[in-house]
C-alpha cells in the first residue's frame, strides 16, 4: 500500500478520535450538562447559583453517621449565632426535590455549603464557625 494512503488514513483516524473525545468529555467536570453542579469538597459555587442559597446550606440524610455528628453542630451554631440555616434531609422527598431544583448534586453526605464554599464530611464546630464568620 502507498505510504501517502496509510498516512492519510492514520491522520483521519486521529482526527475522528479527537472529535469523539471532545464530544464525550464534558468541558466542566462539575457540571453534568443539565446545569447541575456536582458538589465536591473545597469547590466554590458559582455566584449566579450561590445567590439562590442561604449563608449556610446543609445536605444530609437520616441514618448517615457522619451527618449525625455534623448537623447537631450546625444546629448549635444556628442558636449560638442567632442565624437560620437551610438544612435539607435527602430522606425527605420535599427536601430532595428542593436540592434538585437548585441543581445541586452532593458527591457525598454530609455536604455543607458555607459562603459559597463546599465542605464534604464532618468538621469541628469551630471550623464551621470560622467559615460562617469568615475568620
Protein backbone atom coordinates (compact mmCIF):
# COMPACT_ATOMS: atom_id res chain seq x y z
CA UNK A 1 0.00 0.00 0.00
CA UNK A 2 1.18 3.50 -0.76
CA UNK A 3 2.70 5.43 2.19
CA UNK A 4 0.58 8.50 1.41
CA UNK A 5 -2.63 6.48 1.69
CA UNK A 6 -1.53 4.91 5.00
CA UNK A 7 -0.54 8.33 6.35
CA UNK A 8 -3.89 9.81 5.24
CA UNK A 9 -5.86 7.01 6.90
CA UNK A 10 -3.88 7.41 10.14
CA UNK A 11 -4.45 11.18 10.11
CA UNK A 12 -8.18 10.66 9.56
CA UNK A 13 -8.40 8.15 12.45
CA UNK A 14 -6.59 10.60 14.75
CA UNK A 15 -8.93 13.45 13.79
CA UNK A 16 -12.00 11.29 14.39
CA UNK A 17 -10.61 10.18 17.77
CA UNK A 18 -10.05 13.80 18.83
CA UNK A 19 -13.59 14.77 17.82
CA UNK A 20 -15.06 11.83 19.76
CA UNK A 21 -13.04 12.75 22.86
CA UNK A 22 -14.16 16.38 22.68
CA UNK A 23 -17.79 15.32 22.44
CA UNK A 24 -17.67 12.70 25.20
CA UNK A 25 -15.63 14.58 27.82
CA UNK A 26 -17.60 17.50 29.27
CA UNK A 27 -15.84 20.84 29.46
CA UNK A 28 -16.77 21.26 33.14
CA UNK A 29 -16.39 18.09 35.17
CA UNK A 30 -18.55 19.62 37.95
CA UNK A 31 -21.46 20.11 35.56
CA UNK A 32 -23.49 17.22 34.15
CA UNK A 33 -24.68 19.13 31.09
CA UNK A 34 -28.07 19.88 32.65
CA UNK A 35 -26.70 22.80 34.61
CA UNK A 36 -26.50 20.69 37.77
CA UNK A 37 -23.38 21.05 39.90
CA UNK A 38 -21.64 18.05 41.43
CA UNK A 39 -20.61 19.30 44.86
CA UNK A 40 -17.03 18.38 45.71
CA UNK A 41 -15.08 19.26 48.83
CA UNK A 42 -13.35 22.62 48.57
CA UNK A 43 -15.09 23.82 45.42
CA UNK A 44 -16.61 27.29 45.18
CA UNK A 45 -20.20 27.54 43.93
CA UNK A 46 -20.52 30.00 41.01
CA UNK A 47 -22.02 33.36 42.10
CA UNK A 48 -25.18 33.03 39.96
CA UNK A 49 -26.02 29.73 41.68
CA UNK A 50 -24.78 30.77 45.11
CA UNK A 51 -27.13 33.74 45.33
CA UNK A 52 -30.01 31.23 45.45
CA UNK A 53 -28.56 29.70 48.63
CA UNK A 54 -28.59 30.89 52.21
CA UNK A 55 -25.37 31.70 54.06
CA UNK A 56 -25.31 28.05 55.20
CA UNK A 57 -26.91 25.17 53.31
CA UNK A 58 -26.54 21.65 54.67
CA UNK A 59 -27.42 18.44 52.83
CA UNK A 60 -27.65 15.24 54.84
CA UNK A 61 -29.69 12.06 55.17
CA UNK A 62 -31.26 10.22 58.06
CA UNK A 63 -29.18 7.22 59.02
CA UNK A 64 -25.87 8.80 57.97
CA UNK A 65 -23.38 8.50 60.83
CA UNK A 66 -21.27 11.49 59.82
CA UNK A 67 -24.44 13.56 59.35
CA UNK A 68 -25.49 12.69 62.90
CA UNK A 69 -22.33 14.50 64.06
CA UNK A 70 -22.27 17.44 61.63
CA UNK A 71 -25.93 18.53 61.70
CA UNK A 72 -26.19 18.96 65.52
CA UNK A 73 -23.01 21.08 65.38
CA UNK A 74 -24.62 23.31 62.79
CA UNK A 75 -27.87 23.47 64.75
CA UNK A 76 -25.87 24.57 67.83
CA UNK A 77 -24.27 27.31 65.75
CA UNK A 78 -27.68 28.38 64.44
CA UNK A 79 -28.73 29.05 68.03
CA UNK A 80 -25.38 30.49 69.13
CA UNK A 81 -25.13 32.91 66.18
CA UNK A 82 -28.88 33.65 66.01
CA UNK A 83 -28.95 32.66 62.36
CA UNK A 84 -31.16 30.42 60.27
CA UNK A 85 -29.55 27.73 58.13
CA UNK A 86 -31.09 25.76 55.27
CA UNK A 87 -30.85 22.12 56.30
CA UNK A 88 -32.10 19.52 53.82
CA UNK A 89 -32.62 15.82 54.59
CA UNK A 90 -32.39 13.72 51.41
CA UNK A 91 -34.62 11.11 53.07
CA UNK A 92 -37.48 13.64 52.88
CA UNK A 93 -38.96 13.95 49.38
CA UNK A 94 -39.68 17.70 49.62
CA UNK A 95 -36.10 18.38 50.71
CA UNK A 96 -34.69 16.15 47.96
CA UNK A 97 -36.82 17.97 45.36
CA UNK A 98 -35.60 21.36 46.61
CA UNK A 99 -31.95 20.28 46.24
CA UNK A 100 -32.67 19.02 42.72
CA UNK A 101 -34.44 22.29 41.86
CA UNK A 102 -31.33 24.15 42.98
CA UNK A 103 -29.32 21.90 40.65
CA UNK A 104 -27.06 20.63 43.43
CA UNK A 105 -25.81 17.05 43.49
CA UNK A 106 -23.79 16.13 46.59
CA UNK A 107 -20.83 13.86 45.91
CA UNK A 108 -21.18 12.56 49.48
CA UNK A 109 -23.01 13.48 52.65
CA UNK A 110 -22.94 15.50 54.72
CA UNK A 111 -22.32 18.35 52.30
CA UNK A 112 -22.28 21.80 53.84
CA UNK A 113 -22.13 24.96 51.73
CA UNK A 114 -20.93 27.98 53.70
CA UNK A 115 -20.50 31.33 51.96
CA UNK A 116 -20.45 29.50 48.59
CA UNK A 117 -17.67 27.07 49.61
CA UNK A 118 -18.40 23.34 49.76
CA UNK A 119 -17.41 21.23 52.76
CA UNK A 120 -17.92 17.48 52.41
CA UNK A 121 -17.72 15.40 55.56
CA UNK A 122 -17.57 16.42 59.20
CA UNK A 123 -15.70 19.45 60.50
CA UNK A 124 -15.36 20.67 64.07
CA UNK A 125 -17.88 23.18 65.37
CA UNK A 126 -15.06 25.74 65.49
CA UNK A 127 -14.18 25.15 61.83
CA UNK A 128 -17.81 25.64 60.80
CA UNK A 129 -18.00 28.80 62.90
CA UNK A 130 -14.80 30.23 61.37
CA UNK A 131 -16.14 29.56 57.87
CA UNK A 132 -19.51 31.16 58.69
CA UNK A 133 -17.96 34.26 60.24
CA UNK A 134 -15.25 34.47 57.56
CA UNK A 135 -12.39 34.24 60.05
